[in-house]
Amino acid sequence: MSDSDRTALLRVALDDLVALCDRHDATADPEARFRLAGEVMEQVKALPGVVAGIRARDVGDLWAAEELTLAALAGRLKVSKARADQLVRVSRETVAHLEET
């Protein structure tokens, strides 16, 4: 996934959030605003997942492009070898999930 694809993915998530906030602000009914505020909260909660997915693909790209060992990847990312292994596994799962959809 290219940097522009990653940026586009995050931009879509943020644009959706802004549009929802605009709908909230334009709604006169307090009960409807309350429901929309709940939707805003759910989207805000989902943003770390979007960023984590981007980060996971970045780790996978780095690992594959440079054919690093886990120890070398851990050193580059300044994390433990166990954490590097976890990030690579998440990267593989993320890529597999994206290919399924």
PDB file of N, CA and C in Angstrom:
ATOM      1  N   MET A   1       0.855  -1.169   0.000  1.00  0.00           N
ATOM      2  CA  MET A   1       0.000   0.000   0.000  1.00  0.00           C
ATOM      3  C   MET A   1       0.898   1.227   0.000  1.00  0.00           C
ATOM      4  N   SER A   2       0.599   2.153  -0.868  1.00  0.00           N
ATOM      5  CA  SER A   2       1.437   3.346  -0.979  1.00  0.00           C
ATOM      6  C   SER A   2       1.095   4.362   0.102  1.00  0.00           C
ATOM      7  N   ASP A   3       2.002   5.324   0.263  1.00  0.00           N
ATOM      8  CA  ASP A   3       1.747   6.392   1.235  1.00  0.00           C
ATOM      9  C   ASP A   3       0.469   7.148   0.893  1.00  0.00           C
ATOM     10  N   SER A   4       0.223   7.377  -0.392  1.00  0.00           N
ATOM     11  CA  SER A   4      -0.988   8.104  -0.773  1.00  0.00           C
ATOM     12  C   SER A   4      -2.237   7.284  -0.451  1.00  0.00           C
ATOM     13  N   ASP A   5      -2.159   5.949  -0.578  1.00  0.00           N
ATOM     14  CA  ASP A   5      -3.295   5.099  -0.206  1.00  0.00           C
ATOM     15  C   ASP A   5      -3.555   5.171   1.294  1.00  0.00           C
ATOM     16  N   ARG A   6      -2.478   5.171   2.065  1.00  0.00           N
ATOM     17  CA  ARG A   6      -2.626   5.256   3.522  1.00  0.00           C
ATOM     18  C   ARG A   6      -3.235   6.593   3.914  1.00  0.00           C
ATOM     19  N   THR A   7      -2.746   7.647   3.287  1.00  0.00           N
ATOM     20  CA  THR A   7      -3.279   8.978   3.562  1.00  0.00           C
ATOM     21  C   THR A   7      -4.749   9.055   3.177  1.00  0.00           C
ATOM     22  N   ALA A   8      -5.101   8.475   2.042  1.00  0.00           N
ATOM     23  CA  ALA A   8      -6.490   8.493   1.588  1.00  0.00           C
ATOM     24  C   ALA A   8      -7.389   7.740   2.564  1.00  0.00           C
ATOM     25  N   LEU A   9      -6.916   6.611   3.065  1.00  0.00           N
ATOM     26  CA  LEU A   9      -7.696   5.830   4.022  1.00  0.00           C
ATOM     27  C   LEU A   9      -7.984   6.637   5.281  1.00  0.00           C
ATOM     28  N   LEU A  10      -6.978   7.283   5.795  1.00  0.00           N
ATOM     29  CA  LEU A  10      -7.160   8.094   6.994  1.00  0.00           C
ATOM     30  C   LEU A  10      -8.024   9.317   6.693  1.00  0.00           C
ATOM     31  N   ARG A  11      -7.817   9.917   5.534  1.00  0.00           N
ATOM     32  CA  ARG A  11      -8.605  11.090   5.158  1.00  0.00           C
ATOM     33  C   ARG A  11     -10.092  10.746   5.066  1.00  0.00           C
ATOM     34  N   VAL A  12     -10.423   9.594   4.507  1.00  0.00           N
ATOM     35  CA  VAL A  12     -11.829   9.181   4.414  1.00  0.00           C
ATOM     36  C   VAL A  12     -12.425   9.038   5.812  1.00  0.00           C
ATOM     37  N   ALA A  13     -11.683   8.396   6.713  1.00  0.00           N
ATOM     38  CA  ALA A  13     -12.182   8.225   8.084  1.00  0.00           C
ATOM     39  C   ALA A  13     -12.411   9.574   8.755  1.00  0.00           C
ATOM     40  N   LEU A  14     -11.471  10.493   8.571  1.00  0.00           N
ATOM     41  CA  LEU A  14     -11.618  11.817   9.189  1.00  0.00           C
ATOM     42  C   LEU A  14     -12.725  12.629   8.528  1.00  0.00           C
ATOM     43  N   ASP A  15     -12.840  12.536   7.203  1.00  0.00           N
ATOM     44  CA  ASP A  15     -13.910  13.246   6.498  1.00  0.00           C
ATOM     45  C   ASP A  15     -15.283  12.757   6.953  1.00  0.00           C
ATOM     46  N   ASP A  16     -15.408  11.435   7.140  1.00  0.00           N
ATOM     47  CA  ASP A  16     -16.675  10.878   7.645  1.00  0.00           C
ATOM     48  C   ASP A  16     -16.994  11.429   9.030  1.00  0.00           C
ATOM     49  N   LEU A  17     -15.969  11.548   9.854  1.00  0.00           N
ATOM     50  CA  LEU A  17     -16.146  12.070  11.201  1.00  0.00           C
ATOM     51  C   LEU A  17     -16.577  13.535  11.165  1.00  0.00           C
ATOM     52  N   VAL A  18     -15.945  14.325  10.325  1.00  0.00           N
ATOM     53  CA  VAL A  18     -16.304  15.747  10.192  1.00  0.00           C
ATOM     54  C   VAL A  18     -17.735  15.888   9.679  1.00  0.00           C
ATOM     55  N   ALA A  19     -18.115  15.083   8.690  1.00  0.00           N
ATOM     56  CA  ALA A  19     -19.477  15.146   8.152  1.00  0.00           C
ATOM     57  C   ALA A  19     -20.502  14.802   9.229  1.00  0.00           C
ATOM     58  N   LEU A  20     -20.192  13.823  10.045  1.00  0.00           N
ATOM     59  CA  LEU A  20     -21.094  13.448  11.130  1.00  0.00           C
ATOM     60  C   LEU A  20     -21.206  14.571  12.158  1.00  0.00           C
ATOM     61  N   CYS A  21     -20.095  15.219  12.461  1.00  0.00           N
ATOM     62  CA  CYS A  21     -20.120  16.368  13.386  1.00  0.00           C
ATOM     63  C   CYS A  21     -20.951  17.509  12.797  1.00  0.00           C
ATOM     64  N   ASP A  22     -20.834  17.739  11.498  1.00  0.00           N
ATOM     65  CA  ASP A  22     -21.632  18.774  10.842  1.00  0.00           C
ATOM     66  C   ASP A  22     -23.121  18.448  10.927  1.00  0.00           C
ATOM     67  N   ARG A  23     -23.470  17.168  10.705  1.00  0.00           N
ATOM     68  CA  ARG A  23     -24.875  16.761  10.823  1.00  0.00           C
ATOM     69  C   ARG A  23     -25.368  16.981  12.247  1.00  0.00           C
ATOM     70  N   HIS A  24     -24.524  16.655  13.217  1.00  0.00           N
ATOM     71  CA  HIS A  24     -24.887  16.864  14.621  1.00  0.00           C
ATOM     72  C   HIS A  24     -25.185  18.336  14.870  1.00  0.00           C
ATOM     73  N   ASP A  25     -24.266  19.188  14.432  1.00  0.00           N
ATOM     74  CA  ASP A  25     -24.421  20.630  14.692  1.00  0.00           C
ATOM     75  C   ASP A  25     -25.636  21.224  13.982  1.00  0.00           C
ATOM     76  N   ALA A  26     -26.044  20.636  12.861  1.00  0.00           N
ATOM     77  CA  ALA A  26     -27.171  21.164  12.088  1.00  0.00           C
ATOM     78  C   ALA A  26     -28.512  20.587  12.549  1.00  0.00           C
ATOM     79  N   THR A  27     -28.502  19.679  13.490  1.00  0.00           N
ATOM     80  CA  THR A  27     -29.727  19.020  13.942  1.00  0.00           C
ATOM     81  C   THR A  27     -30.319  19.787  15.118  1.00  0.00           C
ATOM     82  N   ALA A  28     -31.608  20.115  15.000  1.00  0.00           N
ATOM     83  CA  ALA A  28     -32.279  20.891  16.038  1.00  0.00           C
ATOM     84  C   ALA A  28     -32.763  20.014  17.202  1.00  0.00           C
ATOM     85  N   ASP A  29     -33.168  18.800  16.908  1.00  0.00           N
ATOM     86  CA  ASP A  29     -33.753  17.922  17.920  1.00  0.00           C
ATOM     87  C   ASP A  29     -32.673  17.407  18.877  1.00  0.00           C
ATOM     88  N   PRO A  30     -32.794  17.706  20.175  1.00  0.00           N
ATOM     89  CA  PRO A  30     -31.777  17.277  21.139  1.00  0.00           C
ATOM     90  C   PRO A  30     -31.591  15.757  21.197  1.00  0.00           C
ATOM     91  N   GLU A  31     -32.673  15.004  21.072  1.00  0.00           N
ATOM     92  CA  GLU A  31     -32.552  13.547  21.109  1.00  0.00           C
ATOM     93  C   GLU A  31     -31.784  13.029  19.897  1.00  0.00           C
ATOM     94  N   ALA A  32     -32.069  13.588  18.739  1.00  0.00           N
ATOM     95  CA  ALA A  32     -31.338  13.198  17.533  1.00  0.00           C
ATOM     96  C   ALA A  32     -29.868  13.600  17.645  1.00  0.00           C
ATOM     97  N   ARG A  33     -29.608  14.787  18.222  1.00  0.00           N
ATOM     98  CA  ARG A  33     -28.216  15.214  18.426  1.00  0.00           C
ATOM     99  C   ARG A  33     -27.494  14.253  19.360  1.00  0.00           C
ATOM    100  N   PHE A  34     -28.193  13.787  20.387  1.00  0.00           N
ATOM    101  CA  PHE A  34     -27.599  12.843  21.331  1.00  0.00           C
ATOM    102  C   PHE A  34     -27.205  11.545  20.610  1.00  0.00           C
ATOM    103  N   ARG A  35     -28.102  11.041  19.759  1.00  0.00           N
ATOM    104  CA  ARG A  35     -27.784   9.824  18.995  1.00  0.00           C
ATOM    105  C   ARG A  35     -26.594  10.067  18.065  1.00  0.00           C
ATOM    106  N   LEU A  36     -26.581  11.224  17.408  1.00  0.00           N
ATOM    107  CA  LEU A  36     -25.460  11.556  16.521  1.00  0.00           C
ATOM    108  C   LEU A  36     -24.157  11.693  17.306  1.00  0.00           C
ATOM    109  N   ALA A  37     -24.239  12.247  18.501  1.00  0.00           N
ATOM    110  CA  ALA A  37     -23.037  12.352  19.340  1.00  0.00           C
ATOM    111  C   ALA A  37     -22.500  10.965  19.672  1.00  0.00           C
ATOM    112  N   GLY A  38     -23.404  10.012  19.876  1.00  0.00           N
ATOM    113  CA  GLY A  38     -22.988   8.630  20.102  1.00  0.00           C
ATOM    114  C   GLY A  38     -22.279   8.059  18.882  1.00  0.00           C
ATOM    115  N   GLU A  39     -22.776   8.380  17.691  1.00  0.00           N
ATOM    116  CA  GLU A  39     -22.123   7.931  16.454  1.00  0.00           C
ATOM    117  C   GLU A  39     -20.744   8.576  16.311  1.00  0.00           C
ATOM    118  N   VAL A  40     -20.645   9.855  16.684  1.00  0.00           N
ATOM    119  CA  VAL A  40     -19.343  10.533  16.655  1.00  0.00           C
ATOM    120  C   VAL A  40     -18.373   9.795  17.572  1.00  0.00           C
ATOM    121  N   MET A  41     -18.831   9.452  18.770  1.00  0.00           N
ATOM    122  CA  MET A  41     -17.974   8.743  19.720  1.00  0.00           C
ATOM    123  C   MET A  41     -17.527   7.405  19.149  1.00  0.00           C
ATOM    124  N   GLU A  42     -18.428   6.674  18.509  1.00  0.00           N
ATOM    125  CA  GLU A  42     -18.061   5.373  17.926  1.00  0.00           C
ATOM    126  C   GLU A  42     -17.014   5.544  16.823  1.00  0.00           C
ATOM    127  N   GLN A  43     -17.150   6.588  16.012  1.00  0.00           N
ATOM    128  CA  GLN A  43     -16.152   6.817  14.961  1.00  0.00           C
ATOM    129  C   GLN A  43     -14.806   7.218  15.554  1.00  0.00           C
ATOM    130  N   VAL A  44     -14.843   8.021  16.606  1.00  0.00           N
ATOM    131  CA  VAL A  44     -13.594   8.408  17.266  1.00  0.00           C
ATOM    132  C   VAL A  44     -12.917   7.160  17.844  1.00  0.00           C
ATOM    133  N   LYS A  45     -13.710   6.265  18.439  1.00  0.00           N
ATOM    134  CA  LYS A  45     -13.152   5.028  18.980  1.00  0.00           C
ATOM    135  C   LYS A  45     -12.551   4.153  17.885  1.00  0.00           C
ATOM    136  N   ALA A  46     -13.089   4.233  16.666  1.00  0.00           N
ATOM    137  CA  ALA A  46     -12.604   3.404  15.559  1.00  0.00           C
ATOM    138  C   ALA A  46     -11.310   3.941  14.950  1.00  0.00           C
ATOM    139  N   LEU A  47     -11.006   5.220  15.133  1.00  0.00           N
ATOM    140  CA  LEU A  47      -9.812   5.810  14.515  1.00  0.00           C
ATOM    141  C   LEU A  47      -8.509   5.112  14.908  1.00  0.00           C
ATOM    142  N   PRO A  48      -8.305   4.756  16.172  1.00  0.00           N
ATOM    143  CA  PRO A  48      -7.061   4.036  16.483  1.00  0.00           C
ATOM    144  C   PRO A  48      -6.917   2.741  15.683  1.00  0.00           C
ATOM    145  N   GLY A  49      -8.016   2.077  15.403  1.00  0.00           N
ATOM    146  CA  GLY A  49      -7.968   0.864  14.589  1.00  0.00           C
ATOM    147  C   GLY A  49      -7.539   1.149  13.162  1.00  0.00           C
ATOM    148  N   VAL A  50      -8.018   2.268  12.618  1.00  0.00           N
ATOM    149  CA  VAL A  50      -7.614   2.669  11.266  1.00  0.00           C
ATOM    150  C   VAL A  50      -6.113   2.930  11.240  1.00  0.00           C
ATOM    151  N   VAL A  51      -5.642   3.684  12.216  1.00  0.00           N
ATOM    152  CA  VAL A  51      -4.211   4.010  12.285  1.00  0.00           C
ATOM    153  C   VAL A  51      -3.391   2.748  12.558  1.00  0.00           C
ATOM    154  N   ALA A  52      -3.894   1.862  13.394  1.00  0.00           N
ATOM    155  CA  ALA A  52      -3.177   0.614  13.674  1.00  0.00           C
ATOM    156  C   ALA A  52      -3.052  -0.232  12.412  1.00  0.00           C
ATOM    157  N   GLY A  53      -4.094  -0.244  11.607  1.00  0.00           N
ATOM    158  CA  GLY A  53      -4.031  -0.976  10.340  1.00  0.00           C
ATOM    159  C   GLY A  53      -2.994  -0.391   9.400  1.00  0.00           C
ATOM    160  N   ILE A  54      -2.936   0.924   9.344  1.00  0.00           N
ATOM    161  CA  ILE A  54      -1.930   1.600   8.522  1.00  0.00           C
ATOM    162  C   ILE A  54      -0.536   1.254   9.041  1.00  0.00           C
ATOM    163  N   ARG A  55      -0.372   1.322  10.338  1.00  0.00           N
ATOM    164  CA  ARG A  55       0.926   1.034  10.950  1.00  0.00           C
ATOM    165  C   ARG A  55       1.335  -0.422  10.708  1.00  0.00           C
ATOM    166  N   ALA A  56       0.381  -1.322  10.811  1.00  0.00           N
ATOM    167  CA  ALA A  56       0.682  -2.738  10.581  1.00  0.00           C
ATOM    168  C   ALA A  56       1.171  -2.961   9.152  1.00  0.00           C
ATOM    169  N   ARG A  57       0.521  -2.338   8.197  1.00  0.00           N
ATOM    170  CA  ARG A  57       0.969  -2.483   6.805  1.00  0.00           C
ATOM    171  C   ARG A  57       2.349  -1.875   6.613  1.00  0.00           C
ATOM    172  N   ASP A  58       2.622  -0.771   7.296  1.00  0.00           N
ATOM    173  CA  ASP A  58       3.950  -0.161   7.212  1.00  0.00           C
ATOM    174  C   ASP A  58       5.028  -1.110   7.723  1.00  0.00           C
ATOM    175  N   VAL A  59       4.750  -1.771   8.844  1.00  0.00           N
ATOM    176  CA  VAL A  59       5.704  -2.726   9.404  1.00  0.00           C
ATOM    177  C   VAL A  59       5.932  -3.865   8.410  1.00  0.00           C
ATOM    178  N   GLY A  60       4.853  -4.386   7.854  1.00  0.00           N
ATOM    179  CA  GLY A  60       4.973  -5.461   6.865  1.00  0.00           C
ATOM    180  C   GLY A  60       5.760  -5.029   5.641  1.00  0.00           C
ATOM    181  N   ASP A  61       5.511  -3.809   5.183  1.00  0.00           N
ATOM    182  CA  ASP A  61       6.247  -3.283   4.023  1.00  0.00           C
ATOM    183  C   ASP A  61       7.733  -3.185   4.316  1.00  0.00           C
ATOM    184  N   LEU A  62       8.077  -2.667   5.488  1.00  0.00           N
ATOM    185  CA  LEU A  62       9.481  -2.522   5.872  1.00  0.00           C
ATOM    186  C   LEU A  62      10.144  -3.887   5.982  1.00  0.00           C
ATOM    187  N   TRP A  63       9.482  -4.796   6.659  1.00  0.00           N
ATOM    188  CA  TRP A  63      10.039  -6.129   6.876  1.00  0.00           C
ATOM    189  C   TRP A  63      10.282  -6.855   5.555  1.00  0.00           C
ATOM    190  N   ALA A  64       9.301  -6.774   4.644  1.00  0.00           N
ATOM    191  CA  ALA A  64       9.413  -7.469   3.360  1.00  0.00           C
ATOM    192  C   ALA A  64      10.409  -6.780   2.427  1.00  0.00           C
ATOM    193  N   ALA A  65      10.346  -5.467   2.355  1.00  0.00           N
ATOM    194  CA  ALA A  65      11.189  -4.734   1.412  1.00  0.00           C
ATOM    195  C   ALA A  65      12.669  -4.891   1.724  1.00  0.00           C
ATOM    196  N   GLU A  66      12.987  -4.934   2.989  1.00  0.00           N
ATOM    197  CA  GLU A  66      14.392  -4.995   3.377  1.00  0.00           C
ATOM    198  C   GLU A  66      14.813  -6.389   3.836  1.00  0.00           C
ATOM    199  N   GLU A  67      13.867  -7.346   3.766  1.00  0.00           N
ATOM    200  CA  GLU A  67      14.146  -8.731   4.145  1.00  0.00           C
ATOM    201  C   GLU A  67      14.882  -8.811   5.481  1.00  0.00           C
ATOM    202  N   LEU A  68      14.303  -8.136   6.465  1.00  0.00           N
ATOM    203  CA  LEU A  68      14.911  -8.067   7.789  1.00  0.00           C
ATOM    204  C   LEU A  68      14.595  -9.309   8.613  1.00  0.00           C
ATOM    205  N   THR A  69      15.503  -9.656   9.500  1.00  0.00           N
ATOM    206  CA  THR A  69      15.186 -10.646  10.526  1.00  0.00           C
ATOM    207  C   THR A  69      14.311  -9.952  11.564  1.00  0.00           C
ATOM    208  N   LEU A  70      13.673 -10.741  12.417  1.00  0.00           N
ATOM    209  CA  LEU A  70      12.873 -10.125  13.482  1.00  0.00           C
ATOM    210  C   LEU A  70      13.739  -9.277  14.397  1.00  0.00           C
ATOM    211  N   ALA A  71      14.948  -9.750  14.673  1.00  0.00           N
ATOM    212  CA  ALA A  71      15.847  -8.983  15.541  1.00  0.00           C
ATOM    213  C   ALA A  71      16.206  -7.643  14.887  1.00  0.00           C
ATOM    214  N   ALA A  72      16.482  -7.667  13.585  1.00  0.00           N
ATOM    215  CA  ALA A  72      16.821  -6.424  12.885  1.00  0.00           C
ATOM    216  C   ALA A  72      15.615  -5.490  12.826  1.00  0.00           C
ATOM    217  N   LEU A  73      14.436  -6.063  12.577  1.00  0.00           N
ATOM    218  CA  LEU A  73      13.221  -5.247  12.551  1.00  0.00           C
ATOM    219  C   LEU A  73      12.985  -4.619  13.924  1.00  0.00           C
ATOM    220  N   ALA A  74      13.155  -5.411  14.967  1.00  0.00           N
ATOM    221  CA  ALA A  74      12.985  -4.900  16.331  1.00  0.00           C
ATOM    222  C   ALA A  74      13.939  -3.739  16.590  1.00  0.00           C
ATOM    223  N   GLY A  75      15.184  -3.890  16.144  1.00  0.00           N
ATOM    224  CA  GLY A  75      16.150  -2.810  16.313  1.00  0.00           C
ATOM    225  C   GLY A  75      15.754  -1.558  15.567  1.00  0.00           C
ATOM    226  N   ARG A  76      15.275  -1.714  14.339  1.00  0.00           N
ATOM    227  CA  ARG A  76      14.853  -0.559  13.543  1.00  0.00           C
ATOM    228  C   ARG A  76      13.675   0.164  14.166  1.00  0.00           C
ATOM    229  N   LEU A  77      12.745  -0.608  14.715  1.00  0.00           N
ATOM    230  CA  LEU A  77      11.531  -0.013  15.302  1.00  0.00           C
ATOM    231  C   LEU A  77      11.706   0.372  16.766  1.00  0.00           C
ATOM    232  N   LYS A  78      12.851  -0.040  17.328  1.00  0.00           N
ATOM    233  CA  LYS A  78      13.128   0.228  18.738  1.00  0.00           C
ATOM    234  C   LYS A  78      12.071  -0.405  19.643  1.00  0.00           C
ATOM    235  N   VAL A  79      11.767  -1.678  19.343  1.00  0.00           N
ATOM    236  CA  VAL A  79      10.852  -2.478  20.154  1.00  0.00           C
ATOM    237  C   VAL A  79      11.533  -3.810  20.449  1.00  0.00           C
ATOM    238  N   SER A  80      10.931  -4.595  21.327  1.00  0.00           N
ATOM    239  CA  SER A  80      11.484  -5.914  21.616  1.00  0.00           C
ATOM    240  C   SER A  80      11.257  -6.844  20.418  1.00  0.00           C
ATOM    241  N   LYS A  81      12.008  -7.930  20.393  1.00  0.00           N
ATOM    242  CA  LYS A  81      11.841  -8.917  19.329  1.00  0.00           C
ATOM    243  C   LYS A  81      10.429  -9.517  19.378  1.00  0.00           C
ATOM    244  N   ALA A  82       9.906  -9.733  20.590  1.00  0.00           N
ATOM    245  CA  ALA A  82       8.550 -10.262  20.735  1.00  0.00           C
ATOM    246  C   ALA A  82       7.523  -9.292  20.155  1.00  0.00           C
ATOM    247  N   ARG A  83       7.722  -8.007  20.393  1.00  0.00           N
ATOM    248  CA  ARG A  83       6.796  -7.002  19.852  1.00  0.00           C
ATOM    249  C   ARG A  83       6.916  -6.939  18.332  1.00  0.00           C
ATOM    250  N   ALA A  84       8.124  -7.042  17.809  1.00  0.00           N
ATOM    251  CA  ALA A  84       8.311  -7.049  16.354  1.00  0.00           C
ATOM    252  C   ALA A  84       7.576  -8.238  15.740  1.00  0.00           C
ATOM    253  N   ASP A  85       7.676  -9.400  16.386  1.00  0.00           N
ATOM    254  CA  ASP A  85       6.964 -10.584  15.906  1.00  0.00           C
ATOM    255  C   ASP A  85       5.462 -10.354  15.913  1.00  0.00           C
ATOM    256  N   GLN A  86       4.979  -9.742  16.977  1.00  0.00           N
ATOM    257  CA  GLN A  86       3.546  -9.438  17.076  1.00  0.00           C
ATOM    258  C   GLN A  86       3.123  -8.480  15.955  1.00  0.00           C
ATOM    259  N   LEU A  87       3.918  -7.465  15.692  1.00  0.00           N
ATOM    260  CA  LEU A  87       3.596  -6.503  14.633  1.00  0.00           C
ATOM    261  C   LEU A  87       3.587  -7.168  13.262  1.00  0.00           C
ATOM    262  N   VAL A  88       4.513  -8.075  13.020  1.00  0.00           N
ATOM    263  CA  VAL A  88       4.540  -8.787  11.737  1.00  0.00           C
ATOM    264  C   VAL A  88       3.295  -9.662  11.600  1.00  0.00           C
ATOM    265  N   ARG A  89       2.920 -10.343  12.679  1.00  0.00           N
ATOM    266  CA  ARG A  89       1.709 -11.172  12.627  1.00  0.00           C
ATOM    267  C   ARG A  89       0.468 -10.319  12.360  1.00  0.00           C
ATOM    268  N   VAL A  90       0.370  -9.172  13.022  1.00  0.00           N
ATOM    269  CA  VAL A  90      -0.765  -8.268  12.796  1.00  0.00           C
ATOM    270  C   VAL A  90      -0.745  -7.769  11.353  1.00  0.00           C
ATOM    271  N   SER A  91       0.442  -7.483  10.839  1.00  0.00           N
ATOM    272  CA  SER A  91       0.565  -7.031   9.458  1.00  0.00           C
ATOM    273  C   SER A  91       0.031  -8.091   8.497  1.00  0.00           C
ATOM    274  N   ARG A  92       0.430  -9.331   8.719  1.00  0.00           N
ATOM    275  CA  ARG A  92      -0.040 -10.424   7.856  1.00  0.00           C
ATOM    276  C   ARG A  92      -1.553 -10.575   7.939  1.00  0.00           C
ATOM    277  N   GLU A  93      -2.094 -10.505   9.141  1.00  0.00           N
ATOM    278  CA  GLU A  93      -3.543 -10.628   9.321  1.00  0.00           C
ATOM    279  C   GLU A  93      -4.274  -9.476   8.654  1.00  0.00           C
ATOM    280  N   THR A  94      -3.717  -8.271   8.764  1.00  0.00           N
ATOM    281  CA  THR A  94      -4.342  -7.090   8.160  1.00  0.00           C
ATOM    282  C   THR A  94      -4.360  -7.224   6.643  1.00  0.00           C
ATOM    283  N   VAL A  95      -3.226  -7.613   6.077  1.00  0.00           N
ATOM    284  CA  VAL A  95      -3.146  -7.779   4.621  1.00  0.00           C
ATOM    285  C   VAL A  95      -4.110  -8.882   4.167  1.00  0.00           C
ATOM    286  N   ALA A  96      -4.155  -9.999   4.885  1.00  0.00           N
ATOM    287  CA  ALA A  96      -5.060 -11.098   4.522  1.00  0.00           C
ATOM    288  C   ALA A  96      -6.509 -10.641   4.581  1.00  0.00           C
ATOM    289  N   HIS A  97      -6.848  -9.868   5.604  1.00  0.00           N
ATOM    290  CA  HIS A  97      -8.224  -9.364   5.734  1.00  0.00           C
ATOM    291  C   HIS A  97      -8.569  -8.428   4.576  1.00  0.00           C
ATOM    292  N   LEU A  98      -7.639  -7.556   4.228  1.00  0.00           N
ATOM    293  CA  LEU A  98      -7.892  -6.619   3.126  1.00  0.00           C
ATOM    294  C   LEU A  98      -8.050  -7.348   1.800  1.00  0.00           C
ATOM    295  N   GLU A  99      -7.284  -8.415   1.617  1.00  0.00           N
ATOM    296  CA  GLU A  99      -7.386  -9.173   0.365  1.00  0.00           C
ATOM    297  C   GLU A  99      -8.707  -9.934   0.268  1.00  0.00           C
ATOM    298  N   GLU A 100      -9.293 -10.276   1.414  1.00  0.00           N
ATOM    299  CA  GLU A 100     -10.572 -10.971   1.442  1.00  0.00           C
ATOM    300  C   GLU A 100     -11.725 -10.052   1.091  1.00  0.00           C
ATOM    301  N   THR A 101     -11.576  -8.765   1.416  1.00  0.00           N
ATOM    302  CA  THR A 101     -12.691  -7.822   1.213  1.00  0.00           C
ATOM    303  C   THR A 101     -12.614  -7.139  -0.114  1.00  0.00           C
TER     304      THR A 101
END
